[in-house]
Amino acid sequence: MPRIKAYSYIRLSSEKQLKGDGETRQIELRDRFVAQHDLDLDETLRDLGVSAFDRDNVERGALGKFLRKVKAREIPRGSYLLVENLDRLSRDNVMRAFRVFMDILEAGIVIATLGDDRIYSEESINQNWTELIISLAVMSRAHEESMRKVQTLRGVWVRKRADRGRKMTRKCPSWLTVSDDGTEWIVNRKRVELIERMLHELASGIGRDKIARRLNADGVKPWGHGREWHGGTVTKFTDNEALIGRLQPCTVERKVVDGVRIEKRIPVGDPIEDYYPKVISDKLWQDARKASDKVARQGKGNTGGRRGTILSNLFGGLAKCDACESPMNYRDRGPRSTPCLRCSGNRNGTCDNESRPRYLPLERTVLSWAKLADEPATQHGIPENEALATAERLRDQAAAIVERLVVAIEQGASLDGRLIQRQTELAQAEEAVVAARRAARAAVPTSSPEARCGIISAVEASRDLPEKERFDVRSAAAQELRDLITEIRCHADGSVTVWTGDMGFRIHIQGDEAWIDGGVEFPSGTMALRWESRDGVVTQPALPVSR
């Protein structure tokens, strides 16, 4: 008879806990319980450096993935969820924490809290309702403890804002540092001179993208981790009110929208004038603002990326420049412009690929091919989705550590050296995720060819739908393309190669028309019959009888 499955959930929210014996203690309790009850242990549920107070573990952590499996009835009834205490599951307000608790029990999962030797199940609750009182008391205490910590930290910041003799935090604009005793600002004059150059050029009517290209052409290296200047990077300096001494205290609001974690800075109180040393004259600041306002794009644009209102770009993360490997960014300047893809390196002045493939004909052609595309053969040595999940988990852990170090530095800790090291590790983890995601795309798609054809066909029919519904349709189509396509290479001659693993086909674009080289059109879509390998070998498979 197979043993009952037990899912061990281990969560640590702080760097102090990561350094201490919290993980070891939870593992020892778990192993003792599993041995006593002869359970089949699954130890994949781990949220290290993830908070349960702001629901990070539920919305983007391992617990959230487990809960989605519970709702989908993918976890067998009678299985155990092992936690040290209920506060490992949630420190949210009592109603929401209790809802998570009951959802698990009503799905037939047994919750074992190892720290107090309690077992909660749907049957035990029905037989002894006082267990609900105990669970509610534990959840309430956990939430109150977290709220007390938050209020204490807020009080510390209120006192810091009132004390103008010391700097509130060592975190400051990159042209400043704080003296060892925390009372004086030290100005990096070379960086200020470079920012002055940006503002003078902006005031003279030069756009931020052009300013970035000029800096790259002059061999000026950005400080920080970037390899080159971008228009967005320039904006972060030219629009920073700290240049004129102003600090706007903020708090960070975090939420998850459509699976994407979004952080938004919320102003708290009035701006503090003359908090920073004024390094730019008022006249230069105002001149730059006026010039910038004149050329500002009217209306609210669409990012074309994951957070756009209608997901304009289905090729996000797939399209790259064949010359410099940089991403091909979606560009749409409004009703009078033509949406296209443009090499980000060329935009910044570091790549000679001037081609700008028109986006709409390219999208139509790729979607027409995708309707009839065969599933790519599984390639040997390609990691499965677990490798991507592991890379993403390690990336999230690294991001959480960086975030905690930033908070600690804001509170006065001297951890700048460790922060740089951890930021480097985070950058490496991001690269590992990109590599794992690229490898995972070669896996066999989860949708059947028939289902995929229906999803792709829905894109054309979605043009008149409300934005939310249109976003959902295009988001599903984008996922299908990521399953099929390894990458899309944009060449200097204006053509595009769509790669599915080690084989690809060429698309030519002229005006509003695009076609597949060697493609055959059918009423239901287009077949690519001329394929090339990475080393240039061309193959032409036989044409099927009907499609």
Protein backbone atom coordinates (compact mmCIF):
# COMPACT_ATOMS: atom_id res chain seq x y z
CA MET A 1 0.00 0.00 0.00
CA PRO A 2 1.53 3.37 -0.99
CA ARG A 3 2.46 5.70 1.83
CA ILE A 4 0.53 8.95 2.42
CA LYS A 5 2.15 12.01 0.88
CA ALA A 6 3.46 14.73 3.20
CA TYR A 7 4.35 18.17 1.81
CA SER A 8 6.86 20.00 3.98
CA TYR A 9 6.57 23.80 3.88
CA ILE A 10 9.57 25.74 5.20
CA ARG A 11 9.51 29.54 5.25
CA LEU A 12 12.05 32.04 6.56
CA SER A 13 11.35 35.73 6.09
CA SER A 14 14.43 37.55 7.35
CA GLU A 15 18.20 37.50 6.93
CA LYS A 16 18.51 36.91 10.67
CA GLN A 17 16.44 33.75 10.34
CA LEU A 18 18.49 32.65 7.33
CA LYS A 19 21.66 32.96 9.41
CA GLY A 20 20.15 31.31 12.50
CA ASP A 21 18.88 27.81 13.17
CA GLY A 22 15.32 28.44 11.95
CA GLU A 23 15.65 26.21 8.90
CA THR A 24 17.47 23.48 10.81
CA ARG A 25 14.81 23.53 13.55
CA GLN A 26 11.97 23.20 11.03
CA ILE A 27 13.72 20.35 9.23
CA GLU A 28 14.34 18.42 12.48
CA LEU A 29 10.68 18.74 13.51
CA ARG A 30 9.57 17.65 10.04
CA ASP A 31 11.84 14.61 9.84
CA ARG A 32 10.75 13.43 13.29
CA PHE A 33 7.06 13.68 12.35
CA VAL A 34 7.56 11.94 8.98
CA ALA A 35 9.42 9.06 10.65
CA GLN A 36 6.78 8.66 13.37
CA HIS A 37 3.92 8.45 10.85
CA ASP A 38 5.78 6.67 8.01
CA LEU A 39 4.93 9.35 5.41
CA ASP A 40 6.23 9.86 1.87
CA LEU A 41 8.03 13.22 2.11
CA ASP A 42 7.94 15.95 -0.54
CA GLU A 43 10.32 18.75 0.48
CA THR A 44 10.00 21.06 -2.54
CA LEU A 45 7.89 23.73 -0.77
CA ARG A 46 10.43 26.28 0.41
CA ASP A 47 10.04 30.07 0.68
CA LEU A 48 13.36 31.42 1.91
CA GLY A 49 13.45 35.17 2.39
CA VAL A 50 9.72 35.49 1.62
CA SER A 51 7.24 37.39 3.78
CA ALA A 52 3.88 36.01 4.90
CA PHE A 53 2.72 39.43 6.16
CA ASP A 54 2.39 41.01 2.70
CA ARG A 55 1.18 37.72 1.12
CA ASP A 56 4.33 37.26 -0.96
CA ASN A 57 4.41 33.56 -0.11
CA VAL A 58 0.79 33.17 -1.28
CA GLU A 59 0.95 35.37 -4.38
CA ARG A 60 4.37 34.52 -5.80
CA GLY A 61 5.97 31.93 -3.52
CA ALA A 62 6.06 28.16 -3.29
CA LEU A 63 3.01 28.14 -1.02
CA GLY A 64 0.99 29.92 -3.70
CA LYS A 65 1.88 27.24 -6.25
CA PHE A 66 0.83 24.57 -3.75
CA LEU A 67 -2.50 26.31 -3.09
CA ARG A 68 -3.23 26.49 -6.81
CA LYS A 69 -2.60 22.75 -7.05
CA VAL A 70 -4.92 22.23 -4.08
CA LYS A 71 -7.72 24.17 -5.81
CA ALA A 72 -7.13 22.20 -9.01
CA ARG A 73 -7.49 18.96 -7.01
CA GLU A 74 -3.96 17.93 -7.99
CA ILE A 75 -3.02 17.18 -4.36
CA PRO A 76 -4.56 13.87 -3.18
CA ARG A 77 -7.07 14.08 -0.35
CA GLY A 78 -5.58 12.86 2.91
CA SER A 79 -2.15 14.31 2.15
CA TYR A 80 -0.36 16.22 4.90
CA LEU A 81 0.94 19.79 4.85
CA LEU A 82 3.68 20.08 7.49
CA VAL A 83 4.50 23.48 8.97
CA GLU A 84 6.29 24.56 12.13
CA ASN A 85 3.41 26.85 13.14
CA LEU A 86 0.39 28.40 11.45
CA ASP A 87 2.24 31.72 11.21
CA ARG A 88 4.51 30.07 8.63
CA LEU A 89 1.47 29.90 6.33
CA SER A 90 0.27 33.47 6.84
CA ARG A 91 0.73 36.59 8.93
CA ASP A 92 -1.99 38.38 7.00
CA ASN A 93 -5.14 39.75 8.64
CA VAL A 94 -7.23 37.06 10.34
CA MET A 95 -9.96 36.79 7.70
CA ARG A 96 -7.59 36.21 4.80
CA ALA A 97 -5.30 33.93 6.81
CA PHE A 98 -8.30 31.89 7.94
CA ARG A 99 -9.55 31.62 4.36
CA VAL A 100 -6.22 30.05 3.29
CA PHE A 101 -6.42 27.69 6.28
CA MET A 102 -9.99 26.57 5.46
CA ASP A 103 -9.34 26.21 1.72
CA ILE A 104 -6.62 23.69 2.50
CA LEU A 105 -8.74 21.72 4.97
CA GLU A 106 -11.85 21.68 2.75
CA ALA A 107 -9.74 20.18 -0.04
CA GLY A 108 -9.10 17.21 2.24
CA ILE A 109 -5.53 18.19 3.15
CA VAL A 110 -4.40 17.66 6.76
CA ILE A 111 -2.37 20.47 8.33
CA ALA A 112 0.17 19.40 10.97
CA THR A 113 1.77 22.17 13.06
CA LEU A 114 4.96 20.59 14.34
CA GLY A 115 5.88 23.23 16.89
CA ASP A 116 2.82 22.56 19.09
CA ASP A 117 2.03 18.99 17.95
CA ARG A 118 -1.41 19.85 16.58
CA ILE A 119 -3.18 18.24 13.63
CA TYR A 120 -6.02 20.04 11.86
CA SER A 121 -8.32 18.31 9.39
CA GLU A 122 -11.84 18.80 8.11
CA GLU A 123 -12.93 15.83 10.22
CA SER A 124 -11.22 17.02 13.41
CA ILE A 125 -12.71 20.52 13.06
CA ASN A 126 -16.21 19.07 12.59
CA GLN A 127 -15.77 16.89 15.68
CA ASN A 128 -14.20 19.58 17.86
CA TRP A 129 -15.00 23.15 16.79
CA THR A 130 -12.81 24.60 19.57
CA GLU A 131 -9.81 23.89 17.34
CA LEU A 132 -11.07 26.75 15.18
CA ILE A 133 -10.77 29.08 18.17
CA ILE A 134 -7.20 27.95 18.71
CA SER A 135 -6.28 28.45 15.05
CA LEU A 136 -7.90 31.91 14.98
CA ALA A 137 -6.01 32.93 18.11
CA VAL A 138 -2.71 31.85 16.57
CA MET A 139 -3.42 33.73 13.34
CA SER A 140 -4.50 36.86 15.20
CA ARG A 141 -1.36 36.83 17.34
CA ALA A 142 0.87 36.40 14.28
CA HIS A 143 -0.78 39.33 12.48
CA GLU A 144 -0.60 41.56 15.56
CA GLU A 145 3.11 40.79 16.00
CA SER A 146 3.82 41.73 12.40
CA MET A 147 1.74 44.91 12.66
CA ARG A 148 3.60 45.89 15.83
CA LYS A 149 6.93 45.49 14.02
CA VAL A 150 5.70 47.63 11.12
CA GLN A 151 4.45 50.35 13.44
CA THR A 152 7.71 50.33 15.38
CA LEU A 153 9.70 50.77 12.18
CA ARG A 154 7.39 53.57 11.04
CA GLY A 155 7.92 55.30 14.36
CA VAL A 156 11.67 55.08 13.89
CA TRP A 157 11.36 56.75 10.50
CA VAL A 158 9.12 59.50 11.88
CA ARG A 159 11.79 60.30 14.48
CA LYS A 160 14.50 60.23 11.82
CA ARG A 161 12.58 62.70 9.68
CA ALA A 162 12.29 65.02 12.65
CA ASP A 163 16.03 64.86 13.37
CA ARG A 164 17.64 67.06 10.71
CA GLY A 165 21.07 66.74 12.34
CA ARG A 166 21.61 63.22 10.96
CA LYS A 167 20.81 61.71 7.60
CA MET A 168 17.78 59.43 7.67
CA THR A 169 19.49 56.72 5.66
CA ARG A 170 22.73 55.94 3.88
CA LYS A 171 20.74 55.22 0.75
CA CYS A 172 21.05 58.30 -1.41
CA PRO A 173 21.39 59.47 -5.05
CA SER A 174 24.40 57.99 -6.80
CA TRP A 175 26.25 61.33 -6.99
CA LEU A 176 26.26 61.49 -3.17
CA THR A 177 27.65 59.46 -0.29
CA VAL A 178 27.23 59.88 3.47
CA SER A 179 30.12 60.66 5.81
CA ASP A 180 31.18 58.00 8.31
CA ASP A 181 29.43 59.77 11.19
CA GLY A 182 26.21 60.10 9.18
CA THR A 183 26.02 63.90 9.40
CA GLU A 184 27.45 65.18 6.09
CA TRP A 185 26.90 64.64 2.37
CA ILE A 186 29.92 64.03 0.16
CA VAL A 187 29.41 65.15 -3.47
CA ASN A 188 30.98 63.28 -6.38
CA ARG A 189 31.81 66.26 -8.63
CA LYS A 190 32.62 64.19 -11.72
CA ARG A 191 29.18 62.61 -11.68
CA VAL A 192 27.52 65.97 -11.09
CA GLU A 193 29.38 67.43 -14.08
CA LEU A 194 28.09 64.60 -16.27
CA ILE A 195 24.51 65.17 -15.06
CA GLU A 196 24.93 68.88 -15.81
CA ARG A 197 25.92 67.94 -19.34
CA MET A 198 22.74 65.86 -19.68
CA LEU A 199 20.58 68.73 -18.42
CA HIS A 200 22.24 71.28 -20.74
CA GLU A 201 21.62 69.00 -23.73
CA LEU A 202 18.05 68.37 -22.61
CA ALA A 203 17.48 72.11 -22.20
CA SER A 204 18.76 72.68 -25.75
CA GLY A 205 16.04 70.39 -27.13
CA ILE A 206 18.00 67.14 -27.44
CA GLY A 207 15.96 64.06 -26.52
CA ARG A 208 17.04 61.63 -23.83
CA ASP A 209 17.61 58.79 -26.30
CA LYS A 210 19.96 61.02 -28.30
CA ILE A 211 21.73 62.08 -25.11
CA ALA A 212 22.30 58.40 -24.29
CA ARG A 213 23.69 57.76 -27.80
CA ARG A 214 26.08 60.69 -27.44
CA LEU A 215 27.36 59.42 -24.12
CA ASN A 216 27.92 55.95 -25.58
CA ALA A 217 29.64 57.42 -28.66
CA ASP A 218 31.98 59.40 -26.39
CA GLY A 219 32.92 56.26 -24.50
CA VAL A 220 31.37 57.46 -21.23
CA LYS A 221 30.69 54.45 -19.04
CA PRO A 222 27.62 54.50 -16.78
CA TRP A 223 28.22 53.98 -13.11
CA GLY A 224 26.50 51.00 -11.59
CA HIS A 225 25.88 47.67 -13.33
CA GLY A 226 24.74 48.86 -16.77
CA ARG A 227 26.93 48.30 -19.81
CA GLU A 228 25.72 51.35 -21.70
CA TRP A 229 23.49 54.39 -21.41
CA HIS A 230 19.80 54.25 -22.28
CA GLY A 231 17.18 56.94 -22.57
CA GLY A 232 15.51 55.60 -19.45
CA THR A 233 18.76 55.77 -17.51
CA VAL A 234 19.23 59.38 -18.54
CA THR A 235 15.69 60.14 -17.39
CA LYS A 236 16.44 58.81 -13.90
CA PHE A 237 19.07 61.52 -13.54
CA THR A 238 17.55 64.45 -15.42
CA ASP A 239 14.19 64.12 -13.64
CA ASN A 240 15.51 63.51 -10.12
CA GLU A 241 14.45 66.34 -7.78
CA ALA A 242 17.27 65.42 -5.42
CA LEU A 243 19.45 67.51 -7.78
CA ILE A 244 17.78 70.62 -6.35
CA GLY A 245 17.93 69.29 -2.78
CA ARG A 246 14.40 67.89 -2.47
CA LEU A 247 13.52 64.58 -0.81
CA GLN A 248 10.07 63.08 -1.09
CA PRO A 249 9.73 60.37 1.60
CA CYS A 250 7.91 57.34 0.21
CA THR A 251 6.68 53.95 1.18
CA VAL A 252 6.65 51.01 -1.23
CA GLU A 253 3.37 49.34 -2.13
CA ARG A 254 3.76 45.83 -3.51
CA LYS A 255 1.12 43.84 -5.35
CA VAL A 256 0.85 41.11 -7.97
CA VAL A 257 -1.08 41.84 -11.18
CA ASP A 258 -1.58 39.04 -13.74
CA GLY A 259 1.29 37.12 -12.15
CA VAL A 260 3.69 40.08 -12.27
CA ARG A 261 4.97 41.61 -9.05
CA ILE A 262 4.63 45.40 -9.19
CA GLU A 263 6.22 47.84 -6.78
CA LYS A 264 4.90 51.37 -6.56
CA ARG A 265 6.38 54.20 -4.50
CA ILE A 266 3.72 56.08 -2.54
CA PRO A 267 4.62 59.58 -1.26
CA VAL A 268 4.39 59.94 2.52
CA GLY A 269 4.00 63.46 3.87
CA ASP A 270 5.33 66.66 2.34
CA PRO A 271 8.63 66.89 0.43
CA ILE A 272 11.63 67.88 2.55
CA GLU A 273 13.35 70.87 0.97
CA ASP A 274 17.14 71.26 1.18
CA TYR A 275 17.56 67.74 2.56
CA TYR A 276 20.22 67.03 -0.06
CA PRO A 277 22.84 69.56 -1.16
CA LYS A 278 21.64 71.48 -4.22
CA VAL A 279 24.08 70.57 -7.00
CA ILE A 280 22.17 72.08 -9.98
CA SER A 281 21.11 75.70 -10.40
CA ASP A 282 17.39 76.48 -10.38
CA LYS A 283 17.70 78.04 -13.84
CA LEU A 284 19.25 74.93 -15.42
CA TRP A 285 16.61 72.75 -13.74
CA GLN A 286 13.74 74.91 -15.00
CA ASP A 287 15.19 75.22 -18.52
CA ALA A 288 15.49 71.44 -18.78
CA ARG A 289 11.94 70.98 -17.49
CA LYS A 290 10.46 73.44 -19.99
CA ALA A 291 12.29 71.87 -22.94
CA SER A 292 11.27 68.40 -21.82
CA ASP A 293 7.62 69.39 -21.45
CA LYS A 294 7.54 70.78 -25.00
CA VAL A 295 8.56 67.49 -26.58
CA ALA A 296 6.71 65.26 -24.12
CA ARG A 297 4.53 62.66 -25.83
CA GLN A 298 0.87 63.48 -25.51
CA GLY A 299 -1.49 60.95 -24.00
CA LYS A 300 -0.83 57.71 -22.22
CA GLY A 301 1.25 55.30 -24.27
CA ASN A 302 1.20 51.55 -24.23
CA THR A 303 4.38 49.83 -23.14
CA GLY A 304 3.81 46.96 -25.55
CA GLY A 305 5.31 44.64 -22.97
CA ARG A 306 3.94 42.38 -20.26
CA ARG A 307 2.31 45.23 -18.35
CA GLY A 308 0.74 46.97 -21.32
CA THR A 309 -3.02 47.32 -21.39
CA ILE A 310 -3.43 45.14 -24.50
CA LEU A 311 -0.02 43.41 -24.73
CA SER A 312 0.96 45.00 -28.04
CA ASN A 313 4.17 42.96 -28.42
CA LEU A 314 3.73 39.18 -28.63
CA PHE A 315 7.46 38.73 -29.21
CA GLY A 316 8.69 40.09 -25.87
CA GLY A 317 11.75 38.10 -24.76
CA LEU A 318 11.99 36.36 -28.15
CA ALA A 319 13.10 39.03 -30.64
CA LYS A 320 16.76 40.02 -30.64
CA CYS A 321 19.23 41.72 -32.93
CA ASP A 322 21.28 39.29 -35.03
CA ALA A 323 24.23 41.71 -35.02
CA CYS A 324 24.67 42.51 -31.32
CA GLU A 325 22.32 40.13 -29.46
CA SER A 326 20.46 43.08 -27.89
CA PRO A 327 16.67 42.89 -27.46
CA MET A 328 14.53 44.21 -30.31
CA ASN A 329 12.21 46.64 -28.54
CA TYR A 330 8.65 47.35 -29.61
CA ARG A 331 8.28 50.96 -30.76
CA ASP A 332 4.99 52.77 -31.30
CA ARG A 333 4.92 56.56 -31.27
CA GLY A 334 1.18 56.94 -31.73
CA PRO A 335 -1.41 57.19 -34.54
CA ARG A 336 0.99 58.81 -37.02
CA SER A 337 3.75 56.25 -36.55
CA THR A 338 4.17 52.65 -37.69
CA PRO A 339 4.76 50.07 -34.95
CA CYS A 340 8.10 48.35 -35.45
CA LEU A 341 10.89 46.50 -33.69
CA ARG A 342 14.14 48.36 -33.11
CA CYS A 343 17.49 47.13 -31.80
CA SER A 344 18.05 48.60 -28.33
CA GLY A 345 21.77 48.70 -29.06
CA ASN A 346 21.17 50.76 -32.20
CA ARG A 347 18.92 53.09 -30.26
CA ASN A 348 21.74 53.64 -27.78
CA GLY A 349 24.37 54.10 -30.49
CA THR A 350 26.28 50.85 -29.92
CA CYS A 351 25.01 48.78 -32.89
CA ASP A 352 24.92 49.44 -36.66
CA ASN A 353 21.77 47.39 -37.31
CA GLU A 354 19.44 50.11 -38.62
CA SER A 355 16.63 47.74 -39.67
CA ARG A 356 13.22 48.30 -38.12
CA PRO A 357 10.94 45.40 -39.11
CA ARG A 358 7.32 46.51 -39.23
CA TYR A 359 5.56 44.79 -36.40
CA LEU A 360 2.00 44.20 -37.67
CA PRO A 361 2.86 42.28 -40.88
CA LEU A 362 5.45 40.29 -38.94
CA GLU A 363 2.90 39.36 -36.28
CA ARG A 364 0.32 38.31 -38.89
CA THR A 365 2.83 36.07 -40.65
CA VAL A 366 4.15 34.43 -37.49
CA LEU A 367 0.63 33.77 -36.21
CA SER A 368 -0.40 32.32 -39.58
CA TRP A 369 2.54 29.90 -39.36
CA ALA A 370 1.83 29.06 -35.71
CA LYS A 371 -1.67 27.83 -36.56
CA LEU A 372 -0.24 24.90 -38.55
CA ALA A 373 3.09 24.48 -36.76
CA ASP A 374 4.04 20.99 -35.68
CA GLU A 375 5.18 20.41 -32.15
CA PRO A 376 8.98 20.68 -32.01
CA ALA A 377 10.76 17.47 -31.25
CA THR A 378 12.09 17.16 -27.71
CA GLN A 379 15.84 17.84 -27.76
CA HIS A 380 18.26 15.78 -25.71
CA GLY A 381 19.92 17.51 -22.80
CA ILE A 382 17.31 20.29 -22.55
CA PRO A 383 16.36 20.93 -18.88
CA GLU A 384 12.72 20.44 -17.97
CA ASN A 385 10.53 23.05 -16.38
CA GLU A 386 11.86 22.10 -12.94
CA ALA A 387 15.21 23.63 -13.93
CA LEU A 388 13.47 26.89 -14.76
CA ALA A 389 11.51 26.77 -11.50
CA THR A 390 14.76 26.24 -9.58
CA ALA A 391 16.45 29.14 -11.37
CA GLU A 392 13.49 31.40 -10.67
CA ARG A 393 13.44 30.37 -7.01
CA LEU A 394 17.16 31.14 -6.63
CA ARG A 395 16.61 34.46 -8.43
CA ASP A 396 13.75 35.33 -6.08
CA GLN A 397 15.87 34.43 -3.07
CA ALA A 398 18.70 36.65 -4.31
CA ALA A 399 16.25 39.51 -4.94
CA ALA A 400 14.81 39.12 -1.45
CA ILE A 401 18.28 39.28 0.12
CA VAL A 402 19.13 42.41 -1.86
CA GLU A 403 15.85 44.00 -0.79
CA ARG A 404 16.55 43.20 2.87
CA LEU A 405 20.06 44.64 2.65
CA VAL A 406 18.68 47.84 1.12
CA VAL A 407 16.20 48.13 3.99
CA ALA A 408 18.98 47.50 6.51
CA ILE A 409 21.14 50.19 4.91
CA GLU A 410 18.20 52.59 4.99
CA GLN A 411 18.00 51.92 8.72
CA GLY A 412 21.66 52.80 9.23
CA ALA A 413 23.54 49.51 8.80
CA SER A 414 26.94 49.61 7.07
CA LEU A 415 26.39 46.86 4.52
CA ASP A 416 27.32 48.59 1.27
CA GLY A 417 30.04 46.05 0.41
CA ARG A 418 27.72 43.13 0.98
CA LEU A 419 25.01 44.85 -1.06
CA ILE A 420 27.32 45.12 -4.09
CA GLN A 421 28.22 41.43 -3.75
CA ARG A 422 24.58 40.40 -3.47
CA GLN A 423 23.58 42.60 -6.41
CA THR A 424 26.22 40.83 -8.49
CA GLU A 425 24.80 37.48 -7.42
CA LEU A 426 21.31 38.71 -8.33
CA ALA A 427 22.50 39.72 -11.82
CA GLN A 428 24.02 36.25 -12.25
CA ALA A 429 20.77 34.66 -11.07
CA GLU A 430 18.82 36.74 -13.61
CA GLU A 431 21.12 35.47 -16.37
CA ALA A 432 20.55 31.90 -15.19
CA VAL A 433 16.77 32.41 -15.38
CA VAL A 434 17.05 33.76 -18.93
CA ALA A 435 19.14 30.74 -19.94
CA ALA A 436 16.77 28.30 -18.23
CA ARG A 437 13.74 29.96 -19.82
CA ARG A 438 15.35 29.77 -23.25
CA ALA A 439 16.07 26.08 -22.73
CA ALA A 440 12.57 25.37 -21.44
CA ARG A 441 11.05 26.84 -24.60
CA ALA A 442 12.42 23.85 -26.48
CA ALA A 443 10.19 21.52 -24.45
CA VAL A 444 7.07 20.05 -26.05
CA PRO A 445 4.20 22.56 -25.78
CA THR A 446 1.45 21.82 -23.26
CA SER A 447 -1.35 22.68 -25.71
CA SER A 448 -2.46 20.31 -28.44
CA PRO A 449 -2.09 21.57 -32.05
CA GLU A 450 -5.87 21.97 -32.24
CA ALA A 451 -6.04 23.99 -29.02
CA ARG A 452 -3.08 26.11 -30.10
CA CYS A 453 -4.72 26.86 -33.45
CA GLY A 454 -7.84 28.03 -31.64
CA ILE A 455 -5.85 30.28 -29.29
CA ILE A 456 -3.89 31.82 -32.17
CA SER A 457 -7.01 32.31 -34.31
CA ALA A 458 -8.68 34.18 -31.45
CA VAL A 459 -6.15 37.02 -31.77
CA GLU A 460 -7.70 38.31 -35.00
CA ALA A 461 -11.19 38.04 -33.56
CA SER A 462 -10.16 39.97 -30.45
CA ARG A 463 -9.54 43.32 -32.14
CA ASP A 464 -12.95 44.73 -31.13
CA LEU A 465 -12.99 43.25 -27.62
CA PRO A 466 -12.58 45.34 -24.43
CA GLU A 467 -8.97 45.86 -23.38
CA LYS A 468 -9.04 43.34 -20.52
CA GLU A 469 -10.44 40.54 -22.69
CA ARG A 470 -8.09 41.43 -25.54
CA PHE A 471 -5.14 41.32 -23.15
CA ASP A 472 -6.15 37.82 -21.99
CA VAL A 473 -6.42 36.56 -25.59
CA ARG A 474 -3.07 38.01 -26.62
CA SER A 475 -1.41 36.83 -23.43
CA ALA A 476 -2.48 33.24 -24.17
CA ALA A 477 -1.21 33.58 -27.75
CA ALA A 478 2.12 34.95 -26.52
CA GLN A 479 2.54 31.88 -24.30
CA GLU A 480 1.85 29.58 -27.25
CA LEU A 481 4.53 31.40 -29.27
CA ARG A 482 7.00 31.02 -26.41
CA ASP A 483 6.28 27.29 -26.41
CA LEU A 484 6.95 27.06 -30.15
CA ILE A 485 9.72 29.55 -30.77
CA THR A 486 13.22 29.58 -29.32
CA GLU A 487 14.10 33.06 -30.60
CA ILE A 488 13.44 35.54 -33.40
CA ARG A 489 16.52 37.03 -35.08
CA CYS A 490 16.25 40.40 -36.85
CA HIS A 491 18.87 40.91 -39.57
CA ALA A 492 20.40 44.10 -40.93
CA ASP A 493 18.77 43.51 -44.35
CA GLY A 494 15.31 43.76 -42.77
CA SER A 495 14.53 40.04 -42.86
CA VAL A 496 13.71 37.98 -39.80
CA THR A 497 14.54 34.37 -38.90
CA VAL A 498 12.19 32.45 -36.60
CA TRP A 499 14.06 29.70 -34.78
CA THR A 500 12.42 26.62 -33.26
CA GLY A 501 15.32 24.89 -31.58
CA ASP A 502 18.11 24.27 -34.10
CA MET A 503 16.01 24.93 -37.22
CA GLY A 504 14.56 28.20 -38.49
CA PHE A 505 12.74 29.80 -41.41
CA ARG A 506 13.16 33.25 -42.94
CA ILE A 507 10.47 35.97 -43.16
CA HIS A 508 10.79 38.89 -45.59
CA ILE A 509 8.98 42.19 -44.96
CA GLN A 510 8.21 44.90 -47.50
CA GLY A 511 5.90 47.72 -46.54
CA ASP A 512 2.77 46.27 -45.00
CA GLU A 513 3.37 42.84 -46.51
CA ALA A 514 5.37 39.94 -45.09
CA TRP A 515 5.88 36.39 -46.35
CA ILE A 516 7.75 33.23 -45.40
CA ASP A 517 10.61 32.28 -47.69
CA GLY A 518 9.46 29.01 -49.26
CA GLY A 519 6.11 29.19 -47.46
CA VAL A 520 2.86 27.75 -48.75
CA GLU A 521 -0.42 29.37 -47.79
CA PHE A 522 -3.54 27.39 -46.92
CA PRO A 523 -6.97 28.68 -45.90
CA SER A 524 -6.17 27.71 -42.32
CA GLY A 525 -2.64 29.13 -42.17
CA THR A 526 0.85 29.05 -43.65
CA MET A 527 3.41 26.24 -43.78
CA ALA A 528 7.15 26.89 -43.83
CA LEU A 529 8.76 24.48 -46.31
CA ARG A 530 12.23 26.00 -46.48
CA TRP A 531 14.16 25.55 -43.25
CA GLU A 532 17.77 26.26 -42.41
CA SER A 533 20.00 24.97 -39.63
CA ARG A 534 22.25 27.05 -37.41
CA ASP A 535 25.22 26.21 -39.64
CA GLY A 536 23.39 27.28 -42.83
CA VAL A 537 22.20 23.91 -44.19
CA VAL A 538 18.86 24.31 -46.02
CA THR A 539 16.22 21.58 -45.98
CA GLN A 540 12.84 21.42 -47.71
CA PRO A 541 10.48 18.80 -46.28
CA ALA A 542 7.84 17.22 -48.50
CA LEU A 543 4.50 19.03 -48.80
CA PRO A 544 1.62 17.12 -47.13
CA VAL A 545 -1.44 16.22 -49.19
CA SER A 546 -3.86 18.52 -47.34
CA ARG A 547 -3.90 20.90 -44.45
